[in-house]
């Protein structure tokens, strides 16, 4: 039987470019080559698209890169690759975008893939747009009856009265991945610097109340009514707040956090987290996969933290670790995601 031709996008223009390469490297290690013929398309930090032999830290120099673009023309249904002054075409059966943050999980690549007509793994364009913008996420989730932090929006056209805030607060880019640009602010004197830091990543800023509770994550797989969750995890902090991707060497651990999987919380709390994550996932129209992060408060209630529609797949990432704890290894996970996509459950 012919192998499925799968295009794997990695790299990208966001601050999470290096994380994407690490995620794609794990995909390369775990993809079943008896079933799939991979085509790795690296996107440089300047925006060039290159077909290459595979992801690595120095892939642009060592992986035989050739200029390639994903054609929006459905008659091509795949890649246009420049070879000796001429374009050759490579048809693709499915695309796996291993891209994080802006221009990866914000609907931009999903829109291009919609034009191309190529089935792709993960959330569709509308759900990607809603989930990347935390203010939209919170509004939709609140309408579904799930608690979220109280927040203020700050843009270039409006400001915030620092005296009206109840400290501490978190200042964060509204449309950015991971914890880049996020600051904990304990007084009004710290607010201007935090806003300046967040504006390096987005012109739309969120100022959120600090929620007192344990940080709990839930990995979700599937679409519609057919959803599966991994074991939930708990982020154990010694100080500060969780920012694993900004560590110097996250593969060897974090300076202030570790993960407990399954989370050391009561069974009823774990069940509540899983069921709430499913409600949030469906309310936002997610499909394929997403990681839903929640706060578990002392009174047993939960509050949404954020939804990540293309969670990290690195060796230290939470999503594959939670799935592995539920008996779903990364190779099985990848196969299920492709199967879901080709079954038409990705919109």
Protein backbone atom coordinates (compact mmCIF):
# COMPACT_ATOMS: atom_id res chain seq x y z
CA UNK A 1 0.00 0.00 0.00
CA UNK A 2 1.29 3.47 -0.89
CA UNK A 3 2.38 5.59 2.03
CA UNK A 4 0.44 8.75 2.81
CA UNK A 5 2.33 11.88 1.81
CA UNK A 6 2.38 14.16 4.86
CA UNK A 7 3.68 17.72 4.83
CA UNK A 8 5.15 18.80 8.16
CA UNK A 9 5.47 22.53 8.67
CA UNK A 10 7.91 23.77 11.31
CA UNK A 11 9.90 26.84 12.31
CA UNK A 12 7.86 29.95 11.60
CA UNK A 13 7.96 33.67 12.30
CA UNK A 14 6.97 33.75 15.96
CA UNK A 15 9.13 33.92 19.05
CA UNK A 16 8.43 30.19 19.42
CA UNK A 17 10.45 29.30 16.30
CA UNK A 18 13.07 27.26 18.25
CA UNK A 19 10.33 25.39 20.15
CA UNK A 20 8.65 24.45 16.87
CA UNK A 21 11.91 22.91 15.61
CA UNK A 22 12.15 20.82 18.79
CA UNK A 23 8.51 19.71 18.40
CA UNK A 24 9.07 18.75 14.76
CA UNK A 25 12.20 16.81 15.73
CA UNK A 26 10.12 14.66 18.08
CA UNK A 27 7.53 14.16 15.34
CA UNK A 28 10.31 12.99 13.01
CA UNK A 29 11.49 10.46 15.59
CA UNK A 30 8.01 9.04 16.17
CA UNK A 31 6.32 9.11 12.74
CA UNK A 32 5.56 5.65 11.38
CA UNK A 33 7.56 5.57 8.14
CA UNK A 34 5.81 2.42 7.00
CA UNK A 35 2.58 4.42 6.82
CA UNK A 36 3.78 7.93 6.05
CA UNK A 37 6.16 9.57 3.60
CA UNK A 38 7.13 12.87 5.29
CA UNK A 39 7.96 16.12 3.53
CA UNK A 40 9.50 18.63 5.94
CA UNK A 41 8.87 22.27 5.13
CA UNK A 42 10.86 24.63 7.32
CA UNK A 43 9.83 28.27 7.58
CA UNK A 44 12.75 30.56 8.40
CA UNK A 45 12.51 33.45 10.83
CA UNK A 46 12.53 35.78 7.83
CA UNK A 47 9.57 33.95 6.29
CA UNK A 48 11.21 31.80 3.58
CA UNK A 49 9.67 28.36 2.96
CA UNK A 50 12.18 25.57 2.33
CA UNK A 51 11.69 21.87 1.67
CA UNK A 52 14.41 20.06 3.60
CA UNK A 53 15.58 16.65 4.80
CA UNK A 54 14.30 17.19 8.33
CA UNK A 55 14.21 19.43 11.38
CA UNK A 56 17.32 20.16 13.43
CA UNK A 57 18.79 23.18 15.17
CA UNK A 58 20.93 23.95 12.09
CA UNK A 59 18.54 22.68 9.44
CA UNK A 60 18.96 25.72 7.18
CA UNK A 61 22.66 24.88 6.70
CA UNK A 62 22.66 21.07 6.85
CA UNK A 63 19.29 19.72 5.71
CA UNK A 64 19.59 20.34 1.96
CA UNK A 65 16.93 23.09 1.85
CA UNK A 66 15.21 23.97 -1.42
CA UNK A 67 12.73 26.84 -1.96
CA UNK A 68 9.18 25.53 -1.76
CA UNK A 69 5.73 26.96 -1.26
CA UNK A 70 2.39 25.47 -0.36
CA UNK A 71 0.20 26.17 -3.35
CA UNK A 72 -3.22 27.73 -2.64
CA UNK A 73 -4.32 26.33 -6.00
CA UNK A 74 -6.42 23.24 -5.38
CA UNK A 75 -5.40 21.92 -8.77
CA UNK A 76 -1.88 21.49 -7.40
CA UNK A 77 -2.96 20.17 -3.99
CA UNK A 78 0.49 20.31 -2.51
CA UNK A 79 3.92 21.85 -2.83
CA UNK A 80 5.64 23.79 -5.57
CA UNK A 81 9.38 23.13 -5.24
CA UNK A 82 11.99 25.15 -7.12
CA UNK A 83 14.57 22.81 -8.65
CA UNK A 84 17.20 24.04 -11.10
CA UNK A 85 15.13 27.01 -12.16
CA UNK A 86 11.91 25.04 -12.64
CA UNK A 87 9.06 24.23 -10.32
CA UNK A 88 8.14 20.63 -9.68
CA UNK A 89 5.00 19.66 -7.81
CA UNK A 90 4.63 17.31 -4.88
CA UNK A 91 1.09 16.25 -4.04
CA UNK A 92 0.27 16.01 -0.34
CA UNK A 93 -2.45 13.94 1.31
CA UNK A 94 -2.39 15.79 4.63
CA UNK A 95 -0.48 18.56 6.41
CA UNK A 96 0.65 18.59 10.02
CA UNK A 97 1.44 22.18 11.07
CA UNK A 98 3.95 21.89 13.91
CA UNK A 99 3.93 25.66 14.42
CA UNK A 100 3.40 27.56 17.66
CA UNK A 101 2.24 31.12 18.33
CA UNK A 102 1.66 33.79 15.70
CA UNK A 103 1.53 32.71 12.06
CA UNK A 104 1.15 29.14 13.23
CA UNK A 105 -1.84 28.63 15.50
CA UNK A 106 -3.64 31.94 14.94
CA UNK A 107 -5.53 30.97 11.78
CA UNK A 108 -3.08 32.32 9.20
CA UNK A 109 -1.64 28.98 8.10
CA UNK A 110 -5.05 27.37 8.55
CA UNK A 111 -6.49 29.89 6.08
CA UNK A 112 -3.81 29.06 3.52
CA UNK A 113 -4.52 25.36 3.97
CA UNK A 114 -8.26 25.99 3.51
CA UNK A 115 -7.47 27.59 0.13
CA UNK A 116 -5.20 24.69 -0.81
CA UNK A 117 -7.88 22.11 -0.09
CA UNK A 118 -5.37 19.89 1.71
CA UNK A 119 -6.68 18.29 4.92
CA UNK A 120 -4.72 19.51 7.94
CA UNK A 121 -4.31 18.39 11.51
CA UNK A 122 -5.69 20.56 14.28
CA UNK A 123 -8.20 23.31 14.87
CA UNK A 124 -9.80 25.10 11.95
CA UNK A 125 -9.51 28.79 11.13
CA UNK A 126 -12.34 30.18 13.33
CA UNK A 127 -11.36 28.20 16.43
CA UNK A 128 -7.69 29.07 15.94
CA UNK A 129 -8.54 32.77 15.81
CA UNK A 130 -10.66 32.56 18.95
CA UNK A 131 -8.14 30.56 20.96
CA UNK A 132 -5.07 32.66 20.15
CA UNK A 133 -6.84 35.80 21.43
CA UNK A 134 -7.32 35.33 25.16
CA UNK A 135 -10.00 38.01 25.36
CA UNK A 136 -12.10 36.22 22.72
CA UNK A 137 -11.44 32.89 24.41
CA UNK A 138 -12.65 34.22 27.75
CA UNK A 139 -15.77 35.78 26.23
CA UNK A 140 -16.82 32.56 24.50
CA UNK A 141 -16.02 30.37 27.50
CA UNK A 142 -17.94 32.64 29.87
CA UNK A 143 -20.98 32.30 27.63
CA UNK A 144 -20.69 28.53 28.13
CA UNK A 145 -20.90 29.03 31.88
CA UNK A 146 -17.22 28.46 32.70
CA UNK A 147 -15.37 30.88 34.97
CA UNK A 148 -12.45 32.91 33.62
CA UNK A 149 -10.22 35.55 35.21
CA UNK A 150 -11.54 39.09 35.24
CA UNK A 151 -9.57 41.15 32.77
CA UNK A 152 -9.02 44.53 31.14
CA UNK A 153 -7.98 45.13 27.53
CA UNK A 154 -5.34 47.74 26.76
CA UNK A 155 -4.61 48.81 23.17
CA UNK A 156 -2.78 51.69 21.55
CA UNK A 157 -6.05 53.65 21.59
CA UNK A 158 -6.89 53.20 25.25
CA UNK A 159 -5.11 53.02 28.57
CA UNK A 160 -5.79 51.77 32.07
CA UNK A 161 -6.09 53.62 35.35
CA UNK A 162 -3.46 51.87 37.46
CA UNK A 163 -5.13 53.03 40.68
CA UNK A 164 -8.29 51.06 39.87
CA UNK A 165 -6.55 47.69 39.67
CA UNK A 166 -6.42 45.20 42.51
CA UNK A 167 -2.89 43.85 42.73
CA UNK A 168 -1.28 41.53 41.95
CA UNK A 169 -2.25 41.27 38.30
CA UNK A 170 -0.77 39.53 35.28
CA UNK A 171 0.03 41.57 32.19
CA UNK A 172 0.27 39.55 29.00
CA UNK A 173 0.04 39.86 25.21
CA UNK A 174 -3.50 38.97 24.16
CA UNK A 175 -2.38 37.05 21.07
CA UNK A 176 0.89 35.32 21.76
CA UNK A 177 1.91 31.82 22.69
CA UNK A 178 3.65 30.46 25.77
CA UNK A 179 4.67 32.94 28.49
CA UNK A 180 6.63 35.36 26.33
CA UNK A 181 5.92 38.94 27.37
CA UNK A 182 4.04 37.92 30.53
CA UNK A 183 4.74 39.75 33.80
CA UNK A 184 3.37 39.52 37.30
CA UNK A 185 2.73 43.02 38.61
CA UNK A 186 2.50 43.61 42.35
CA UNK A 187 2.07 47.40 42.36
CA UNK A 188 1.09 50.25 40.06
CA UNK A 189 4.73 51.34 39.85
CA UNK A 190 5.57 48.09 38.03
CA UNK A 191 2.76 48.43 35.50
CA UNK A 192 4.43 50.65 32.82
CA UNK A 193 7.41 48.31 32.45
CA UNK A 194 5.12 45.28 32.22
CA UNK A 195 3.00 46.93 29.53
CA UNK A 196 6.13 47.82 27.56
CA UNK A 197 7.33 44.22 27.79
CA UNK A 198 3.99 42.83 26.57
CA UNK A 199 3.85 45.33 23.68
CA UNK A 200 6.99 43.77 22.24
CA UNK A 201 4.81 40.79 21.30
CA UNK A 202 1.35 42.25 20.63
CA UNK A 203 -0.42 45.60 20.37
CA UNK A 204 -3.37 44.21 22.31
CA UNK A 205 -2.64 43.63 25.99
CA UNK A 206 -4.58 41.83 28.70
CA UNK A 207 -4.40 42.76 32.36
CA UNK A 208 -5.80 39.85 34.37
CA UNK A 209 -6.63 39.37 37.98
CA UNK A 210 -4.36 36.86 39.69
CA UNK A 211 -6.25 33.63 40.38
CA UNK A 212 -5.15 31.77 43.50
CA UNK A 213 -5.08 28.07 42.73
CA UNK A 214 -3.07 25.17 41.34
CA UNK A 215 -2.19 25.22 37.65
CA UNK A 216 -3.71 22.12 36.08
CA UNK A 217 -3.45 21.02 32.44
CA UNK A 218 -5.65 18.73 30.39
CA UNK A 219 -4.79 17.31 26.96
CA UNK A 220 -7.78 16.80 24.67
CA UNK A 221 -7.88 14.72 21.49
CA UNK A 222 -10.73 14.35 19.01
CA UNK A 223 -13.71 16.25 17.65
CA UNK A 224 -17.35 16.80 18.46
CA UNK A 225 -18.77 14.29 20.91
CA UNK A 226 -15.87 11.87 20.43
CA UNK A 227 -13.26 13.33 22.79
CA UNK A 228 -10.48 11.68 24.72
CA UNK A 229 -8.40 13.25 27.48
CA UNK A 230 -5.00 12.31 28.80
CA UNK A 231 -4.11 12.22 32.47
CA UNK A 232 -4.23 15.73 33.92
CA UNK A 233 -1.04 17.30 35.24
CA UNK A 234 -0.19 19.81 37.93
CA UNK A 235 2.52 22.43 37.62
CA UNK A 236 4.42 22.45 40.90
CA UNK A 237 6.02 25.86 41.38
CA UNK A 238 8.72 26.79 43.87
CA UNK A 239 8.46 30.52 43.11
CA UNK A 240 7.37 32.95 40.40
CA UNK A 241 5.18 31.69 37.56
CA UNK A 242 5.42 28.97 34.94
CA UNK A 243 7.61 29.84 31.94
CA UNK A 244 9.26 26.62 30.81
CA UNK A 245 10.02 27.63 27.20
CA UNK A 246 12.16 30.55 28.36
CA UNK A 247 14.52 28.38 30.37
CA UNK A 248 18.11 28.12 29.15
CA UNK A 249 17.87 24.31 28.87
CA UNK A 250 14.25 23.20 29.35
CA UNK A 251 15.15 19.60 28.40
CA UNK A 252 17.04 19.24 31.68
CA UNK A 253 14.38 20.88 33.83
CA UNK A 254 13.08 24.21 35.01
CA UNK A 255 14.44 26.62 37.58
CA UNK A 256 11.08 26.98 39.30
CA UNK A 257 8.67 24.28 38.16
CA UNK A 258 8.15 20.54 37.81
CA UNK A 259 5.22 18.44 36.61
CA UNK A 260 3.19 15.88 38.47
CA UNK A 261 1.43 13.45 36.11
CA UNK A 262 -1.15 12.25 36.98
CA UNK A 263 -1.84 15.32 39.09
CA UNK A 264 -1.86 14.77 42.84
CA UNK A 265 -5.42 16.01 43.24
CA UNK A 266 -8.61 14.25 44.36
CA UNK A 267 -10.29 12.01 41.80
CA UNK A 268 -13.41 14.20 41.74
CA UNK A 269 -11.25 17.24 40.99
CA UNK A 270 -9.52 15.40 38.15
CA UNK A 271 -12.90 14.42 36.72
CA UNK A 272 -14.11 18.04 36.97
CA UNK A 273 -11.00 19.27 35.15
CA UNK A 274 -11.47 16.76 32.32
CA UNK A 275 -15.18 17.44 31.87
CA UNK A 276 -14.68 21.23 32.03
CA UNK A 277 -11.86 20.98 29.48
CA UNK A 278 -14.20 19.14 27.12
CA UNK A 279 -16.90 21.81 27.52
CA UNK A 280 -14.35 24.54 26.76
CA UNK A 281 -12.93 22.62 23.78
CA UNK A 282 -16.39 22.19 22.25
CA UNK A 283 -17.49 25.77 23.00
CA UNK A 284 -14.49 27.10 21.08
CA UNK A 285 -15.05 24.71 18.18
CA UNK A 286 -11.71 22.95 18.66
CA UNK A 287 -10.86 19.81 16.72
CA UNK A 288 -7.91 17.48 16.47
CA UNK A 289 -6.05 18.49 19.59
CA UNK A 290 -5.63 21.21 22.20
CA UNK A 291 -4.30 21.62 25.71
CA UNK A 292 -6.71 23.30 28.10
CA UNK A 293 -5.07 24.89 31.15
CA UNK A 294 -7.14 25.61 34.25
CA UNK A 295 -6.73 26.86 37.79
CA UNK A 296 -8.03 24.55 40.51
CA UNK A 297 -9.03 26.67 43.51
CA UNK A 298 -9.05 25.57 47.14
CA UNK A 299 -12.85 25.39 47.14
CA UNK A 300 -12.71 22.78 44.36
CA UNK A 301 -13.89 25.07 41.56
CA UNK A 302 -12.00 25.63 38.31
CA UNK A 303 -11.16 28.75 36.31
CA UNK A 304 -9.87 28.79 32.74
CA UNK A 305 -6.27 29.86 32.23
CA UNK A 306 -5.78 29.40 28.48
CA UNK A 307 -6.27 27.10 25.50
CA UNK A 308 -3.34 26.08 23.31
CA UNK A 309 -4.45 24.73 19.93
CA UNK A 310 -1.02 23.53 18.77
CA UNK A 311 0.64 22.51 22.02
CA UNK A 312 4.31 21.70 22.15
CA UNK A 313 5.36 18.19 21.18
CA UNK A 314 8.93 18.49 22.48
CA UNK A 315 10.60 15.92 24.72
CA UNK A 316 9.64 18.02 27.75
CA UNK A 317 6.18 19.21 26.62
CA UNK A 318 3.09 18.69 28.70
CA UNK A 319 0.61 17.50 26.04
CA UNK A 320 2.47 14.33 24.93
CA UNK A 321 3.45 13.61 28.55
CA UNK A 322 -0.20 13.67 29.66
CA UNK A 323 -1.23 11.49 26.74
CA UNK A 324 1.60 9.04 27.42
CA UNK A 325 0.43 8.74 31.03
CA UNK A 326 -2.95 7.65 29.63
CA UNK A 327 -1.28 5.01 27.48
CA UNK A 328 -1.10 6.96 24.20
CA UNK A 329 2.49 7.26 22.97
CA UNK A 330 3.49 9.97 20.52
CA UNK A 331 3.59 7.62 17.52
CA UNK A 332 0.04 6.45 18.28
CA UNK A 333 -1.06 10.05 18.89
CA UNK A 334 0.27 11.20 15.52
CA UNK A 335 -1.47 8.32 13.77
CA UNK A 336 -4.78 9.12 15.49
CA UNK A 337 -4.52 12.79 14.55
CA UNK A 338 -3.99 11.96 10.88
CA UNK A 339 -6.81 9.42 10.94
CA UNK A 340 -9.14 12.00 12.49
CA UNK A 341 -8.20 14.55 9.87
CA UNK A 342 -8.71 12.24 6.91
CA UNK A 343 -12.03 11.08 8.35
CA UNK A 344 -13.24 14.64 7.78
CA UNK A 345 -13.57 15.60 11.42
CA UNK A 346 -11.36 18.64 11.06
CA UNK A 347 -13.94 20.75 9.29
